[in-house]
Amino acid sequence: MTKNADISHIDQNQRRSRAIVHNGLVYTAGQVPDDLSLDIAGQARQVLDKIDALLAEAGTDKSRALTAQVWLSSRDDLAAFNAIWDSWVVPDHTPTRICGRVDMNNPACRVEIQVTAAV
């Protein structure tokens, strides 16, 4: 983690940071799966695992998630995605959420998720 005054950057390169911590909040970049050969359930698990790791590095966890933006490449994946999502969120601590269908940069990518959480 690199620090810039009151802003901490997690896994930063010349183009992006995977997460930024500022003013008691952590903002993750959109996270995508590494294994694009997986079905929506497998891809969703990979993405949520990445988010868990970023939140942990920032000093927080999914129980403190405030909001999530979910992008799916197919509306047909919504039910299967929701099953994974519902098992990931902490009961009584669910964040606000939007979920939309988009054309992904890589057509094999089925899900991308961005989360904002309190530290």
Protein backbone atom coordinates (compact mmCIF):
# COMPACT_ATOMS: atom_id res chain seq x y z
CA MET A 1 0.00 0.00 0.00
CA THR A 2 1.35 3.44 -0.91
CA LYS A 3 0.28 6.60 0.89
CA ASN A 4 -0.22 10.07 -0.52
CA ALA A 5 -0.96 12.33 2.45
CA ASP A 6 -4.42 11.15 3.55
CA ILE A 7 -4.97 8.82 0.56
CA SER A 8 -3.70 5.22 0.47
CA HIS A 9 -3.43 3.34 -2.82
CA ILE A 10 -3.62 -0.46 -2.89
CA ASP A 11 -1.96 -2.32 -5.76
CA GLN A 12 -1.30 0.78 -7.81
CA ASN A 13 0.26 0.93 -11.26
CA GLN A 14 0.54 3.61 -13.95
CA ARG A 15 -3.11 3.19 -14.98
CA ARG A 16 -5.11 2.39 -11.83
CA SER A 17 -5.24 1.44 -8.18
CA ARG A 18 -7.16 -1.71 -7.26
CA ALA A 19 -8.46 0.18 -4.23
CA ILE A 20 -8.12 3.57 -2.59
CA VAL A 21 -8.61 4.37 1.08
CA HIS A 22 -9.62 7.93 1.96
CA ASN A 23 -11.55 9.56 4.76
CA GLY A 24 -12.60 6.29 6.39
CA LEU A 25 -13.80 4.69 3.14
CA VAL A 26 -12.30 2.16 0.76
CA TYR A 27 -13.23 2.31 -2.91
CA THR A 28 -12.41 -0.74 -4.99
CA ALA A 29 -11.91 -0.63 -8.72
CA GLY A 30 -14.13 -2.90 -10.77
CA GLN A 31 -12.90 -6.43 -10.14
CA VAL A 32 -13.09 -9.13 -12.81
CA PRO A 33 -12.33 -12.87 -12.65
CA ASP A 34 -8.95 -14.30 -13.57
CA ASP A 35 -10.31 -17.56 -15.01
CA LEU A 36 -12.69 -16.60 -17.80
CA SER A 37 -13.42 -20.24 -18.63
CA LEU A 38 -15.57 -20.56 -15.48
CA ASP A 39 -19.36 -20.26 -15.44
CA ILE A 40 -21.00 -17.25 -13.79
CA ALA A 41 -20.91 -18.88 -10.34
CA GLY A 42 -17.17 -19.56 -10.56
CA GLN A 43 -16.41 -16.10 -11.95
CA ALA A 44 -18.54 -14.43 -9.27
CA ARG A 45 -16.76 -16.36 -6.49
CA GLN A 46 -13.36 -15.30 -7.87
CA VAL A 47 -14.40 -11.65 -8.02
CA LEU A 48 -15.86 -11.67 -4.50
CA ASP A 49 -12.69 -13.36 -3.19
CA LYS A 50 -10.66 -10.54 -4.75
CA ILE A 51 -12.91 -7.98 -3.10
CA ASP A 52 -12.54 -9.74 0.26
CA ALA A 53 -8.74 -9.56 -0.10
CA LEU A 54 -8.77 -5.87 -1.03
CA LEU A 55 -11.08 -5.01 1.86
CA ALA A 56 -8.84 -6.94 4.26
CA GLU A 57 -5.75 -5.11 2.99
CA ALA A 58 -7.60 -1.82 3.58
CA GLY A 59 -8.40 -2.89 7.15
CA THR A 60 -12.08 -3.72 6.75
CA ASP A 61 -14.40 -6.48 5.50
CA LYS A 62 -17.63 -7.11 3.61
CA SER A 63 -19.77 -6.55 6.72
CA ARG A 64 -18.88 -2.85 6.31
CA ALA A 65 -19.71 -2.68 2.59
CA LEU A 66 -21.86 0.35 1.85
CA THR A 67 -22.62 0.00 -1.83
CA ALA A 68 -21.89 -2.32 -4.74
CA GLN A 69 -22.10 -1.94 -8.49
CA VAL A 70 -22.51 -5.21 -10.37
CA TRP A 71 -22.22 -5.59 -14.12
CA LEU A 72 -23.25 -8.82 -15.83
CA SER A 73 -22.65 -9.63 -19.48
CA SER A 74 -25.97 -11.49 -19.71
CA ARG A 75 -29.28 -11.03 -17.97
CA ASP A 76 -29.55 -14.83 -18.10
CA ASP A 77 -26.82 -15.00 -15.40
CA LEU A 78 -28.76 -12.96 -12.83
CA ALA A 79 -30.34 -15.84 -10.86
CA ALA A 80 -27.07 -17.81 -10.64
CA PHE A 81 -25.16 -14.65 -9.72
CA ASN A 82 -27.70 -13.75 -7.03
CA ALA A 83 -27.26 -17.20 -5.44
CA ILE A 84 -23.52 -16.55 -5.06
CA TRP A 85 -24.08 -12.95 -3.95
CA ASP A 86 -26.64 -13.98 -1.33
CA SER A 87 -24.18 -16.47 0.16
CA TRP A 88 -21.42 -13.80 0.22
CA VAL A 89 -23.17 -10.85 1.86
CA VAL A 90 -23.41 -10.67 5.62
CA PRO A 91 -27.02 -10.99 6.85
CA ASP A 92 -28.34 -7.71 8.26
CA HIS A 93 -25.32 -5.88 6.71
CA THR A 94 -26.22 -5.93 3.03
CA PRO A 95 -24.96 -2.96 1.00
CA THR A 96 -26.98 -0.96 -1.46
CA ARG A 97 -26.60 -2.51 -4.91
CA ILE A 98 -27.18 -1.81 -8.54
CA CYS A 99 -26.95 -4.54 -11.15
CA GLY A 100 -26.88 -3.93 -14.88
CA ARG A 101 -26.06 -5.68 -18.12
CA VAL A 102 -23.10 -4.39 -20.10
CA ASP A 103 -20.82 -5.44 -22.92
CA MET A 104 -17.55 -6.41 -21.24
CA ASN A 105 -14.12 -5.60 -22.69
CA ASN A 106 -13.55 -9.35 -22.99
CA PRO A 107 -16.68 -11.25 -24.10
CA ALA A 108 -15.66 -14.24 -21.91
CA CYS A 109 -15.90 -12.06 -18.79
CA ARG A 110 -19.35 -12.50 -17.28
CA VAL A 111 -19.18 -10.27 -14.18
CA GLU A 112 -17.46 -7.18 -12.81
CA ILE A 113 -18.08 -5.76 -9.33
CA GLN A 114 -17.06 -2.53 -7.61
CA VAL A 115 -17.57 -2.04 -3.85
CA THR A 116 -17.29 0.91 -1.48
CA ALA A 117 -16.93 0.10 2.22
CA ALA A 118 -16.33 1.84 5.53
CA VAL A 119 -12.96 1.17 7.13
